[in-house]
Amino acid sequence: MLYAIHGEDVLNSLEKRMMARPAHLERLQTLQNEGRLILAGPYPSIDSADPGSAGFSGSLIVAEFASLEAAQSWAETDPYVTAGVYSKITVRPFKKVFPV
């Protein structure tokens, strides 16, 4: 089943985010290589594709996992969690409708 993982950043997370980013992307690449990643990306803090020093306010990942517990476990061990980038993570079942 698909799960949406929503991470909310702490204030002024950009430096922590940049430090943990390579390890975070490596985990996402693994999901992609396994054919389980639907989409992933950050929320810019301002209305710009490149927010510069304004940074990001969080991230969204939609991926396939065997269960809600597996998705939560994966999310809780993300480098952004261990580096203190995220203040909160929410994991919810997700039903993809479009695109078909």
N, C-alpha and C. Protein backbone atom coordinates (compact mmCIF):
# COMPACT_ATOMS: atom_id res chain seq x y z
N MET A 1 0.85 -1.18 0.00
CA MET A 1 0.00 0.00 0.00
C MET A 1 0.89 1.23 0.00
N LEU A 2 0.33 2.33 -0.50
CA LEU A 2 1.05 3.60 -0.49
C LEU A 2 0.82 4.33 0.82
N TYR A 3 1.85 5.09 1.22
CA TYR A 3 1.78 5.91 2.43
C TYR A 3 2.36 7.28 2.13
N ALA A 4 1.72 8.31 2.67
CA ALA A 4 2.23 9.68 2.57
C ALA A 4 2.96 9.99 3.87
N ILE A 5 4.19 10.41 3.73
CA ILE A 5 5.02 10.78 4.87
C ILE A 5 5.23 12.28 4.79
N HIS A 6 4.72 12.98 5.78
CA HIS A 6 4.83 14.44 5.82
C HIS A 6 5.74 14.82 6.99
N GLY A 7 6.85 15.45 6.68
CA GLY A 7 7.76 15.92 7.72
C GLY A 7 7.68 17.43 7.83
N GLU A 8 7.58 17.92 9.05
CA GLU A 8 7.55 19.36 9.31
C GLU A 8 8.89 19.78 9.89
N ASP A 9 9.52 20.76 9.25
CA ASP A 9 10.83 21.22 9.70
C ASP A 9 10.76 22.07 10.96
N VAL A 10 11.84 22.03 11.73
CA VAL A 10 12.03 22.98 12.82
C VAL A 10 12.32 24.34 12.17
N LEU A 11 12.21 25.39 12.92
CA LEU A 11 12.55 26.71 12.39
C LEU A 11 14.04 26.76 12.07
N ASN A 12 14.38 27.48 11.02
CA ASN A 12 15.78 27.67 10.61
C ASN A 12 16.50 26.34 10.41
N SER A 13 15.88 25.45 9.67
CA SER A 13 16.40 24.09 9.47
C SER A 13 17.40 23.96 8.34
N LEU A 14 17.62 25.01 7.56
CA LEU A 14 18.37 24.88 6.32
C LEU A 14 19.76 24.29 6.51
N GLU A 15 20.51 24.73 7.48
CA GLU A 15 21.86 24.21 7.69
C GLU A 15 21.83 22.72 8.04
N LYS A 16 20.94 22.34 8.96
CA LYS A 16 20.81 20.92 9.32
C LYS A 16 20.37 20.10 8.11
N ARG A 17 19.46 20.66 7.33
CA ARG A 17 18.93 20.00 6.14
C ARG A 17 20.06 19.72 5.15
N MET A 18 20.89 20.71 4.90
CA MET A 18 21.97 20.55 3.93
C MET A 18 23.00 19.50 4.39
N MET A 19 23.23 19.45 5.68
CA MET A 19 24.19 18.47 6.22
C MET A 19 23.65 17.03 6.07
N ALA A 20 22.37 16.84 6.30
CA ALA A 20 21.77 15.50 6.27
C ALA A 20 21.26 15.11 4.88
N ARG A 21 21.24 16.03 3.95
CA ARG A 21 20.63 15.80 2.64
C ARG A 21 21.22 14.62 1.87
N PRO A 22 22.54 14.46 1.78
CA PRO A 22 23.06 13.31 1.02
C PRO A 22 22.55 11.96 1.53
N ALA A 23 22.52 11.77 2.83
CA ALA A 23 22.03 10.51 3.40
C ALA A 23 20.52 10.36 3.18
N HIS A 24 19.78 11.46 3.27
CA HIS A 24 18.34 11.45 3.04
C HIS A 24 18.06 11.05 1.58
N LEU A 25 18.78 11.65 0.64
CA LEU A 25 18.58 11.34 -0.77
C LEU A 25 18.98 9.90 -1.10
N GLU A 26 19.98 9.40 -0.43
CA GLU A 26 20.40 8.01 -0.63
C GLU A 26 19.28 7.03 -0.29
N ARG A 27 18.58 7.31 0.81
CA ARG A 27 17.46 6.45 1.20
C ARG A 27 16.32 6.53 0.18
N LEU A 28 16.07 7.74 -0.32
CA LEU A 28 15.03 7.90 -1.34
C LEU A 28 15.43 7.19 -2.63
N GLN A 29 16.70 7.26 -2.97
CA GLN A 29 17.19 6.58 -4.17
C GLN A 29 16.98 5.07 -4.05
N THR A 30 17.18 4.54 -2.86
CA THR A 30 16.95 3.11 -2.64
C THR A 30 15.48 2.76 -2.90
N LEU A 31 14.57 3.58 -2.38
CA LEU A 31 13.14 3.34 -2.64
C LEU A 31 12.86 3.41 -4.13
N GLN A 32 13.46 4.39 -4.81
CA GLN A 32 13.23 4.52 -6.25
C GLN A 32 13.77 3.30 -6.99
N ASN A 33 14.96 2.86 -6.63
CA ASN A 33 15.56 1.69 -7.28
C ASN A 33 14.71 0.44 -7.09
N GLU A 34 14.00 0.36 -5.97
CA GLU A 34 13.12 -0.76 -5.67
C GLU A 34 11.75 -0.60 -6.32
N GLY A 35 11.51 0.52 -7.01
CA GLY A 35 10.22 0.77 -7.65
C GLY A 35 9.11 1.13 -6.69
N ARG A 36 9.47 1.62 -5.49
CA ARG A 36 8.48 1.90 -4.46
C ARG A 36 8.21 3.39 -4.26
N LEU A 37 9.00 4.27 -4.84
CA LEU A 37 8.85 5.71 -4.64
C LEU A 37 7.93 6.30 -5.70
N ILE A 38 6.88 6.99 -5.26
CA ILE A 38 5.95 7.65 -6.17
C ILE A 38 6.37 9.10 -6.39
N LEU A 39 6.67 9.80 -5.30
CA LEU A 39 7.17 11.18 -5.39
C LEU A 39 7.81 11.57 -4.07
N ALA A 40 8.67 12.56 -4.14
CA ALA A 40 9.31 13.08 -2.93
C ALA A 40 9.82 14.48 -3.22
N GLY A 41 9.70 15.35 -2.24
CA GLY A 41 10.23 16.69 -2.40
C GLY A 41 9.91 17.57 -1.21
N PRO A 42 10.61 18.71 -1.13
CA PRO A 42 10.42 19.63 -0.02
C PRO A 42 9.37 20.69 -0.32
N TYR A 43 8.90 21.32 0.75
CA TYR A 43 8.01 22.48 0.67
C TYR A 43 8.87 23.74 0.83
N PRO A 44 9.05 24.55 -0.22
CA PRO A 44 9.79 25.80 -0.04
C PRO A 44 9.06 26.71 0.95
N SER A 45 9.85 27.42 1.75
CA SER A 45 9.25 28.31 2.75
C SER A 45 8.61 29.54 2.12
N ILE A 46 9.03 29.85 0.89
CA ILE A 46 8.44 30.99 0.17
C ILE A 46 7.96 30.49 -1.19
N ASP A 47 7.21 31.31 -1.89
CA ASP A 47 6.65 30.93 -3.18
C ASP A 47 7.71 31.02 -4.27
N SER A 48 8.64 30.05 -4.23
CA SER A 48 9.73 30.02 -5.19
C SER A 48 10.28 28.61 -5.27
N ALA A 49 10.61 28.16 -6.48
CA ALA A 49 11.21 26.83 -6.63
C ALA A 49 12.58 26.77 -5.98
N ASP A 50 13.26 27.92 -5.91
CA ASP A 50 14.57 28.01 -5.25
C ASP A 50 14.45 29.06 -4.15
N PRO A 51 14.11 28.65 -2.93
CA PRO A 51 13.87 29.62 -1.86
C PRO A 51 15.14 30.22 -1.25
N GLY A 52 16.31 29.78 -1.70
CA GLY A 52 17.56 30.33 -1.17
C GLY A 52 17.63 30.19 0.34
N SER A 53 18.04 31.25 0.99
CA SER A 53 18.24 31.21 2.45
C SER A 53 16.93 31.09 3.23
N ALA A 54 15.78 31.28 2.56
CA ALA A 54 14.49 31.11 3.26
C ALA A 54 14.28 29.64 3.62
N GLY A 55 14.91 28.75 2.84
CA GLY A 55 14.86 27.33 3.17
C GLY A 55 13.52 26.67 2.90
N PHE A 56 13.26 25.64 3.68
CA PHE A 56 12.09 24.79 3.48
C PHE A 56 11.33 24.62 4.78
N SER A 57 10.04 24.31 4.66
CA SER A 57 9.21 24.15 5.85
C SER A 57 8.87 22.69 6.14
N GLY A 58 9.25 21.80 5.22
CA GLY A 58 8.96 20.39 5.42
C GLY A 58 9.12 19.63 4.12
N SER A 59 8.67 18.38 4.12
CA SER A 59 8.80 17.52 2.95
C SER A 59 7.61 16.57 2.85
N LEU A 60 7.41 16.07 1.63
CA LEU A 60 6.40 15.06 1.38
C LEU A 60 7.05 13.91 0.63
N ILE A 61 6.79 12.70 1.10
CA ILE A 61 7.24 11.49 0.42
C ILE A 61 6.01 10.59 0.29
N VAL A 62 5.78 10.08 -0.90
CA VAL A 62 4.73 9.08 -1.11
C VAL A 62 5.43 7.84 -1.65
N ALA A 63 5.31 6.75 -0.92
CA ALA A 63 6.01 5.52 -1.28
C ALA A 63 5.22 4.30 -0.83
N GLU A 64 5.60 3.17 -1.39
CA GLU A 64 4.95 1.91 -1.06
C GLU A 64 5.70 1.21 0.08
N PHE A 65 4.92 0.74 1.05
CA PHE A 65 5.46 -0.03 2.17
C PHE A 65 4.51 -1.19 2.44
N ALA A 66 5.02 -2.20 3.13
CA ALA A 66 4.21 -3.40 3.43
C ALA A 66 3.09 -3.10 4.42
N SER A 67 3.29 -2.09 5.28
CA SER A 67 2.29 -1.78 6.30
C SER A 67 2.52 -0.36 6.83
N LEU A 68 1.54 0.14 7.55
CA LEU A 68 1.68 1.44 8.20
C LEU A 68 2.86 1.43 9.16
N GLU A 69 3.01 0.35 9.89
CA GLU A 69 4.11 0.23 10.84
C GLU A 69 5.46 0.29 10.13
N ALA A 70 5.57 -0.36 8.97
CA ALA A 70 6.82 -0.33 8.20
C ALA A 70 7.11 1.07 7.70
N ALA A 71 6.08 1.78 7.25
CA ALA A 71 6.25 3.15 6.78
C ALA A 71 6.68 4.06 7.93
N GLN A 72 6.05 3.90 9.09
CA GLN A 72 6.41 4.71 10.25
C GLN A 72 7.84 4.43 10.70
N SER A 73 8.22 3.18 10.72
CA SER A 73 9.57 2.81 11.11
C SER A 73 10.59 3.41 10.15
N TRP A 74 10.31 3.33 8.86
CA TRP A 74 11.20 3.91 7.86
C TRP A 74 11.32 5.41 8.07
N ALA A 75 10.18 6.08 8.28
CA ALA A 75 10.17 7.54 8.46
C ALA A 75 10.93 7.96 9.71
N GLU A 76 10.77 7.22 10.77
CA GLU A 76 11.41 7.58 12.05
C GLU A 76 12.92 7.44 12.02
N THR A 77 13.45 6.70 11.05
CA THR A 77 14.90 6.53 10.95
C THR A 77 15.51 7.36 9.82
N ASP A 78 14.73 8.25 9.25
CA ASP A 78 15.23 9.12 8.18
C ASP A 78 16.32 10.04 8.73
N PRO A 79 17.37 10.30 7.96
CA PRO A 79 18.43 11.21 8.41
C PRO A 79 17.92 12.60 8.80
N TYR A 80 16.84 13.06 8.20
CA TYR A 80 16.30 14.36 8.61
C TYR A 80 15.73 14.31 10.03
N VAL A 81 15.28 13.16 10.44
CA VAL A 81 14.80 13.00 11.82
C VAL A 81 16.00 12.97 12.77
N THR A 82 16.96 12.12 12.46
CA THR A 82 18.10 11.96 13.36
C THR A 82 18.96 13.22 13.44
N ALA A 83 18.94 14.05 12.38
CA ALA A 83 19.71 15.30 12.37
C ALA A 83 18.94 16.46 12.99
N GLY A 84 17.68 16.23 13.36
CA GLY A 84 16.90 17.30 13.98
C GLY A 84 16.29 18.28 13.00
N VAL A 85 16.16 17.89 11.73
CA VAL A 85 15.52 18.75 10.73
C VAL A 85 14.02 18.78 10.94
N TYR A 86 13.43 17.62 11.14
CA TYR A 86 11.98 17.53 11.32
C TYR A 86 11.61 17.66 12.79
N SER A 87 10.59 18.47 13.04
CA SER A 87 10.04 18.57 14.39
C SER A 87 8.91 17.57 14.58
N LYS A 88 8.31 17.16 13.46
CA LYS A 88 7.16 16.25 13.53
C LYS A 88 7.06 15.49 12.21
N ILE A 89 6.67 14.21 12.31
CA ILE A 89 6.42 13.39 11.13
C ILE A 89 5.02 12.79 11.25
N THR A 90 4.28 12.85 10.16
CA THR A 90 2.97 12.22 10.08
C THR A 90 2.99 11.21 8.94
N VAL A 91 2.54 10.00 9.20
CA VAL A 91 2.48 8.95 8.19
C VAL A 91 1.03 8.50 8.08
N ARG A 92 0.52 8.53 6.84
CA ARG A 92 -0.88 8.16 6.62
C ARG A 92 -1.01 7.30 5.38
N PRO A 93 -1.94 6.36 5.39
CA PRO A 93 -2.22 5.60 4.17
C PRO A 93 -2.64 6.57 3.06
N PHE A 94 -2.28 6.24 1.83
CA PHE A 94 -2.55 7.13 0.70
C PHE A 94 -3.09 6.30 -0.46
N LYS A 95 -4.16 6.78 -1.08
CA LYS A 95 -4.73 6.10 -2.24
C LYS A 95 -4.50 6.98 -3.47
N LYS A 96 -3.67 6.51 -4.37
CA LYS A 96 -3.40 7.25 -5.61
C LYS A 96 -4.56 7.04 -6.57
N VAL A 97 -5.09 8.14 -7.12
CA VAL A 97 -6.17 8.08 -8.09
C VAL A 97 -5.66 8.56 -9.46
N PHE A 98 -4.94 9.66 -9.49
CA PHE A 98 -4.37 10.21 -10.73
C PHE A 98 -2.90 10.53 -10.52
N PRO A 99 -2.08 10.47 -11.54
CA PRO A 99 -2.40 9.95 -12.85
C PRO A 99 -2.58 8.43 -12.81
N VAL A 100 -3.33 7.97 -13.77
CA VAL A 100 -3.65 6.54 -13.86
C VAL A 100 -2.45 5.79 -14.37
